[in-house]
Amino acid sequence: MRPELFRFFDVSFPAYFVLLLTGFSFATAIAVMWARRIGQNPDVIVDLSLACLLMGVVGGRIFHVLFDGYFWDYVHLCTDPALVDWKISEALCHSDRYRGVWDSAKSVCHPGEADCWAWAKFWAGGLTYYGGLLFASVAGILLLIRDRFPVWKGCDLAAVGIATGLGFGRIGCLLAGCCFGQPHGGSWSLSFPPRSPASEAQFKLGELSSAATWSLPVLPTQALEALMSFAVAGVCLLYVQSRKRYDGQVFVWFLVLYAIGRFALEFLRADDRGGILGLSTSQWVGVVIIAAAIWLHYQRKKSIFSGA
């Protein structure tokens, strides 16, 4: 695990955001080349990519705060930090990382001071993919309309880029240690270092005696989702694109394939997911996305056959 990928002039570069920007660069390059190939203005794609990156981070953070199970923690961090319980060791509570106040009666750590802006600090971790996808999609469509770029062609371009970028992003998750899987004793499982998100989560559940130890071996769900994302990008680019019957079909395939893959992988993850009725927030969103994609497929087919 490498939360900090490297330092340059004493500036820390977190692994997740380095890989996120790497994925963004690859996605933009693919979309620009594809736009040139179909005779469209590549400058629109660059503007589109920057807008989607910005709104994707905004949407991902908002969804994390509202739907990943931390909403009241963020509220109490501002109004009354004593109501926030961090189930970490006393030594970790007093460390420079947390600088908390140890509650001997409850054996929990409370934040040392109020922070009304904790909800906005996306660089500290906490982005929900589907929130980013929703916000970025709305921003992208509005930008395409403004620039008079064929909207559904633009969506097809974006589909491959988004899947590719997400693959790199999940490699960043692997290096950062977040989005980890269920405990698993197989030879291909991974153990994360002391005080990693996996160690802290397992300590809170009583599976470890201390968060300052290596985590139990867990499924590498980050790597699995990275492989799945690259596979979705490959299918969309190499199979669907050459066989599509209407503009927007690549985007539809991307939505369905990713939602199905993500729905399955959610059962293997062990980090806090939020949710209701036995399904995580992302799984419920995935169900809605699959239904919306099927509706979109029939609407697009109907418009093509009717000549609209």
Protein backbone atom coordinates (compact mmCIF):
# COMPACT_ATOMS: atom_id res chain seq x y z
CA MET A 1 0.00 0.00 0.00
CA ARG A 2 1.36 3.43 -0.98
CA PRO A 3 -1.04 6.21 0.09
CA GLU A 4 1.68 8.70 -0.91
CA LEU A 5 3.00 7.72 -4.33
CA PHE A 6 5.91 10.18 -4.31
CA ARG A 7 7.06 13.60 -3.10
CA PHE A 8 8.31 16.44 -5.27
CA PHE A 9 9.82 19.58 -3.70
CA ASP A 10 8.38 18.38 -0.39
CA VAL A 11 4.88 18.25 -1.88
CA SER A 12 3.00 14.99 -1.29
CA PHE A 13 1.26 13.34 -4.25
CA PRO A 14 -1.39 10.86 -3.01
CA ALA A 15 -1.54 7.64 -5.00
CA TYR A 16 -5.28 7.82 -5.57
CA PHE A 17 -5.25 11.25 -7.16
CA VAL A 18 -2.11 10.58 -9.21
CA LEU A 19 -3.80 7.51 -10.70
CA LEU A 20 -7.09 9.41 -11.07
CA LEU A 21 -5.34 12.09 -13.12
CA THR A 22 -3.49 9.40 -15.08
CA GLY A 23 -6.81 7.79 -15.95
CA PHE A 24 -8.24 11.20 -16.84
CA SER A 25 -5.32 11.81 -19.23
CA PHE A 26 -5.71 8.43 -20.93
CA ALA A 27 -9.47 8.85 -21.20
CA THR A 28 -9.11 12.30 -22.74
CA ALA A 29 -6.50 11.08 -25.23
CA ILE A 30 -8.70 8.19 -26.34
CA ALA A 31 -11.72 10.46 -26.78
CA VAL A 32 -9.72 13.08 -28.72
CA MET A 33 -8.38 10.47 -31.15
CA TRP A 34 -11.84 9.01 -31.58
CA ALA A 35 -13.34 12.46 -32.21
CA ARG A 36 -10.80 13.14 -34.95
CA ARG A 37 -11.53 9.75 -36.48
CA ILE A 38 -15.25 10.53 -36.83
CA GLY A 39 -14.64 14.07 -38.04
CA GLN A 40 -15.63 15.98 -34.92
CA ASN A 41 -13.89 18.89 -33.19
CA PRO A 42 -11.40 17.45 -30.62
CA ASP A 43 -11.22 20.77 -28.74
CA VAL A 44 -14.77 20.17 -27.52
CA ILE A 45 -13.62 16.87 -26.01
CA VAL A 46 -10.85 18.56 -24.03
CA ASP A 47 -13.35 21.07 -22.60
CA LEU A 48 -15.76 18.21 -21.95
CA SER A 49 -13.12 16.21 -20.08
CA LEU A 50 -12.17 19.09 -17.80
CA ALA A 51 -15.80 19.87 -16.99
CA CYS A 52 -16.56 16.21 -16.28
CA LEU A 53 -13.48 15.85 -14.06
CA LEU A 54 -14.52 18.84 -11.96
CA MET A 55 -18.18 17.88 -11.68
CA GLY A 56 -17.28 14.23 -11.16
CA VAL A 57 -15.28 15.11 -8.05
CA VAL A 58 -18.09 17.37 -6.80
CA GLY A 59 -20.77 14.73 -7.38
CA GLY A 60 -18.65 11.92 -5.97
CA ARG A 61 -18.03 13.85 -2.79
CA ILE A 62 -21.66 14.89 -2.32
CA PHE A 63 -22.87 11.31 -2.75
CA HIS A 64 -20.23 10.08 -0.29
CA VAL A 65 -21.35 12.57 2.35
CA LEU A 66 -25.06 11.89 1.86
CA PHE A 67 -25.26 8.17 1.10
CA ASP A 68 -22.18 6.29 2.38
CA GLY A 69 -23.27 6.34 6.01
CA TYR A 70 -21.19 9.29 7.26
CA PHE A 71 -23.70 12.13 7.04
CA TRP A 72 -24.24 12.58 10.77
CA ASP A 73 -20.51 12.24 11.47
CA TYR A 74 -19.90 15.23 9.21
CA VAL A 75 -22.71 17.15 10.92
CA HIS A 76 -21.39 16.39 14.40
CA LEU A 77 -17.82 17.23 13.36
CA CYS A 78 -19.09 20.78 12.97
CA THR A 79 -21.64 21.03 15.77
CA ASP A 80 -20.33 18.73 18.53
CA PRO A 81 -17.20 16.59 17.88
CA ALA A 82 -17.81 14.70 21.14
CA LEU A 83 -20.68 12.88 19.40
CA VAL A 84 -18.29 11.39 16.82
CA ASP A 85 -16.81 8.09 17.94
CA TRP A 86 -13.65 6.87 16.26
CA LYS A 87 -13.13 3.25 17.28
CA ILE A 88 -9.36 3.32 17.18
CA SER A 89 -6.66 2.61 19.76
CA GLU A 90 -5.66 5.21 22.36
CA ALA A 91 -2.18 5.47 20.87
CA LEU A 92 -3.61 6.10 17.41
CA CYS A 93 -6.06 8.61 18.85
CA HIS A 94 -3.17 10.71 20.20
CA SER A 95 -1.08 10.34 17.05
CA ASP A 96 -0.35 13.25 14.71
CA ARG A 97 -2.73 11.72 12.19
CA TYR A 98 -5.85 12.03 14.39
CA ARG A 99 -4.94 14.35 17.29
CA GLY A 100 -8.09 13.26 19.04
CA VAL A 101 -9.40 13.17 22.61
CA TRP A 102 -9.49 9.75 24.27
CA ASP A 103 -12.74 8.82 26.04
CA SER A 104 -11.75 6.28 28.71
CA ALA A 105 -15.34 5.54 29.71
CA LYS A 106 -16.36 4.46 26.20
CA SER A 107 -12.87 3.43 24.98
CA VAL A 108 -13.30 5.52 21.85
CA CYS A 109 -11.60 8.54 20.34
CA HIS A 110 -13.33 11.85 19.68
CA PRO A 111 -12.07 14.50 17.24
CA GLY A 112 -9.93 17.08 19.01
CA GLU A 113 -11.62 20.10 17.43
CA ALA A 114 -14.60 21.04 15.31
CA ASP A 115 -14.23 21.06 11.56
CA CYS A 116 -17.20 22.44 9.63
CA TRP A 117 -15.44 21.90 6.31
CA ALA A 118 -14.59 18.21 6.73
CA TRP A 119 -17.40 17.29 4.33
CA ALA A 120 -15.72 19.25 1.52
CA LYS A 121 -12.19 17.85 1.93
CA PHE A 122 -12.33 15.37 -0.96
CA TRP A 123 -8.52 15.05 -0.99
CA ALA A 124 -8.74 13.36 2.42
CA GLY A 125 -10.66 10.47 0.84
CA GLY A 126 -14.28 9.66 0.18
CA LEU A 127 -15.68 9.77 -3.35
CA THR A 128 -18.68 7.76 -4.57
CA TYR A 129 -18.39 6.78 -8.22
CA TYR A 130 -22.07 6.91 -9.15
CA GLY A 131 -22.39 10.44 -7.78
CA GLY A 132 -19.48 11.48 -9.94
CA LEU A 133 -21.00 9.75 -12.97
CA LEU A 134 -24.35 11.52 -12.51
CA PHE A 135 -22.90 15.01 -12.06
CA ALA A 136 -20.34 14.55 -14.84
CA SER A 137 -23.00 13.23 -17.24
CA VAL A 138 -25.30 16.20 -16.69
CA ALA A 139 -22.42 18.67 -17.09
CA GLY A 140 -21.16 16.84 -20.18
CA ILE A 141 -24.53 16.80 -21.93
CA LEU A 142 -25.07 20.50 -21.27
CA LEU A 143 -21.62 21.29 -22.63
CA LEU A 144 -22.17 19.19 -25.75
CA ILE A 145 -25.46 20.98 -26.42
CA ARG A 146 -23.79 24.36 -25.95
CA ASP A 147 -20.99 23.49 -28.38
CA ARG A 148 -23.40 21.94 -30.91
CA PHE A 149 -21.56 18.63 -30.71
CA PRO A 150 -23.75 15.56 -31.52
CA VAL A 151 -24.80 14.60 -27.99
CA TRP A 152 -25.10 10.85 -28.46
CA LYS A 153 -21.83 10.62 -30.34
CA GLY A 154 -20.28 12.49 -27.44
CA CYS A 155 -21.80 10.02 -24.97
CA ASP A 156 -20.29 7.13 -26.91
CA LEU A 157 -16.89 8.83 -26.80
CA ALA A 158 -17.24 9.41 -23.07
CA ALA A 159 -18.24 5.80 -22.31
CA VAL A 160 -14.89 4.31 -23.31
CA GLY A 161 -13.00 7.14 -21.64
CA ILE A 162 -14.91 6.85 -18.37
CA ALA A 163 -14.37 3.09 -18.16
CA THR A 164 -10.65 3.49 -18.89
CA GLY A 165 -10.25 6.27 -16.36
CA LEU A 166 -12.11 4.28 -13.73
CA GLY A 167 -9.71 1.37 -14.22
CA PHE A 168 -6.76 3.61 -13.35
CA GLY A 169 -8.71 5.13 -10.46
CA ARG A 170 -9.24 1.71 -8.89
CA ILE A 171 -5.51 1.01 -9.11
CA GLY A 172 -5.17 4.20 -7.10
CA CYS A 173 -7.64 2.77 -4.59
CA LEU A 174 -5.46 -0.33 -4.29
CA LEU A 175 -2.37 1.77 -3.56
CA ALA A 176 -4.31 3.94 -1.09
CA GLY A 177 -5.75 0.87 0.67
CA CYS A 178 -9.41 1.90 0.42
CA CYS A 179 -12.33 -0.03 -1.13
CA PHE A 180 -10.95 -3.31 0.26
CA GLY A 181 -12.68 -6.67 0.17
CA GLN A 182 -13.92 -9.30 2.57
CA PRO A 183 -11.42 -11.38 4.58
CA HIS A 184 -10.21 -14.25 2.43
CA GLY A 185 -7.50 -16.84 2.91
CA GLY A 186 -6.73 -17.51 -0.74
CA SER A 187 -3.25 -17.23 -2.22
CA TRP A 188 -4.23 -14.14 -4.20
CA SER A 189 -5.55 -12.21 -1.20
CA LEU A 190 -3.77 -9.13 0.15
CA SER A 191 -2.89 -7.87 3.62
CA PHE A 192 -2.69 -4.12 4.14
CA PRO A 193 -0.18 -2.39 6.43
CA PRO A 194 -0.84 -1.24 10.00
CA ARG A 195 -3.28 1.68 10.33
CA SER A 196 -4.54 1.17 6.80
CA PRO A 197 -8.30 1.51 6.19
CA ALA A 198 -8.58 -2.30 6.25
CA SER A 199 -6.73 -2.61 9.58
CA GLU A 200 -8.81 0.13 11.17
CA ALA A 201 -12.09 -1.36 9.91
CA GLN A 202 -11.18 -4.84 11.15
CA PHE A 203 -10.14 -3.43 14.52
CA LYS A 204 -13.51 -1.67 14.86
CA LEU A 205 -15.22 -5.02 14.18
CA GLY A 206 -13.09 -6.79 16.80
CA GLU A 207 -11.28 -8.89 14.19
CA LEU A 208 -7.90 -7.40 15.16
CA SER A 209 -6.55 -6.61 18.61
CA SER A 210 -5.07 -3.34 17.35
CA ALA A 211 -5.27 -1.14 14.27
CA ALA A 212 -1.47 -0.92 14.44
CA THR A 213 -1.11 -4.42 12.98
CA TRP A 214 -1.32 -5.81 9.47
CA SER A 215 -4.84 -6.48 8.31
CA LEU A 216 -6.23 -9.95 7.83
CA PRO A 217 -5.88 -11.12 4.19
CA VAL A 218 -8.71 -9.64 2.12
CA LEU A 219 -10.00 -9.93 -1.41
CA PRO A 220 -8.32 -7.38 -3.75
CA THR A 221 -11.63 -5.92 -4.89
CA GLN A 222 -9.88 -2.77 -6.13
CA ALA A 223 -7.83 -4.82 -8.61
CA LEU A 224 -10.91 -6.80 -9.63
CA GLU A 225 -12.84 -3.64 -10.39
CA ALA A 226 -9.89 -2.19 -12.31
CA LEU A 227 -9.79 -5.32 -14.49
CA MET A 228 -13.56 -5.19 -14.91
CA SER A 229 -13.44 -1.52 -15.94
CA PHE A 230 -10.71 -2.13 -18.52
CA ALA A 231 -12.71 -5.08 -19.84
CA VAL A 232 -15.83 -2.92 -20.19
CA ALA A 233 -13.78 -0.30 -22.07
CA GLY A 234 -12.40 -3.01 -24.37
CA VAL A 235 -15.82 -4.47 -25.13
CA CYS A 236 -17.29 -1.04 -25.86
CA LEU A 237 -14.40 0.05 -28.07
CA LEU A 238 -13.55 -3.16 -29.90
CA TYR A 239 -16.93 -4.88 -30.15
CA VAL A 240 -19.89 -2.53 -29.66
CA GLN A 241 -18.58 0.50 -31.55
CA SER A 242 -18.20 -1.32 -34.87
CA ARG A 243 -21.62 -2.98 -34.53
CA LYS A 244 -23.76 -0.24 -33.04
CA ARG A 245 -27.09 0.52 -34.72
CA TYR A 246 -27.57 3.98 -33.25
CA ASP A 247 -25.51 6.72 -31.62
CA GLY A 248 -25.61 6.25 -27.88
CA GLN A 249 -25.52 2.45 -27.99
CA VAL A 250 -21.91 2.32 -26.75
CA PHE A 251 -22.95 4.45 -23.78
CA VAL A 252 -25.89 2.14 -23.06
CA TRP A 253 -23.62 -0.90 -23.10
CA PHE A 254 -21.17 0.83 -20.78
CA LEU A 255 -23.91 1.64 -18.26
CA VAL A 256 -25.29 -1.90 -18.22
CA LEU A 257 -21.96 -3.75 -18.18
CA TYR A 258 -20.45 -1.60 -15.47
CA ALA A 259 -23.59 -1.63 -13.31
CA ILE A 260 -23.80 -5.43 -13.46
CA GLY A 261 -20.11 -5.86 -12.67
CA ARG A 262 -20.24 -3.34 -9.84
CA PHE A 263 -23.39 -4.93 -8.39
CA ALA A 264 -21.58 -8.28 -8.14
CA LEU A 265 -18.36 -6.83 -6.73
CA GLU A 266 -20.24 -4.98 -4.00
CA PHE A 267 -20.94 -8.34 -2.32
CA LEU A 268 -17.18 -8.85 -1.98
CA ARG A 269 -16.35 -5.46 -0.45
CA ALA A 270 -15.96 -4.93 3.30
CA ASP A 271 -15.53 -1.16 3.61
CA ASP A 272 -18.46 0.98 4.79
CA ARG A 273 -21.00 1.01 1.94
CA GLY A 274 -24.21 2.46 3.31
CA GLY A 275 -27.45 1.02 1.95
CA ILE A 276 -30.79 -0.50 2.85
CA LEU A 277 -32.55 -3.88 2.73
CA GLY A 278 -29.31 -5.81 2.42
CA LEU A 279 -28.03 -3.94 -0.63
CA SER A 280 -25.47 -1.14 -0.67
CA THR A 281 -26.20 2.33 -1.97
CA SER A 282 -24.16 1.57 -5.09
CA GLN A 283 -26.17 -1.59 -5.76
CA TRP A 284 -29.46 0.29 -5.58
CA VAL A 285 -28.08 2.98 -7.87
CA GLY A 286 -26.89 0.24 -10.22
CA VAL A 287 -30.39 -1.22 -10.42
CA VAL A 288 -31.78 2.20 -11.33
CA ILE A 289 -29.05 2.70 -13.94
CA ILE A 290 -29.73 -0.66 -15.59
CA ALA A 291 -33.44 0.15 -15.79
CA ALA A 292 -32.67 3.61 -17.20
CA ALA A 293 -30.24 2.14 -19.75
CA ILE A 294 -32.82 -0.38 -20.96
CA TRP A 295 -35.39 2.41 -21.32
CA LEU A 296 -32.84 4.55 -23.16
CA HIS A 297 -32.03 1.65 -25.51
CA TYR A 298 -35.65 1.27 -26.60
CA GLN A 299 -36.15 5.02 -26.88
CA ARG A 300 -33.10 5.39 -29.10
CA LYS A 301 -34.13 2.44 -31.28
CA LYS A 302 -37.63 3.86 -31.61
CA SER A 303 -36.30 7.28 -32.66
CA ILE A 304 -33.99 5.73 -35.28
CA PHE A 305 -36.68 3.52 -36.80
CA SER A 306 -39.19 6.39 -36.79
CA GLY A 307 -36.66 8.67 -38.48
CA ALA A 308 -36.68 11.19 -35.64
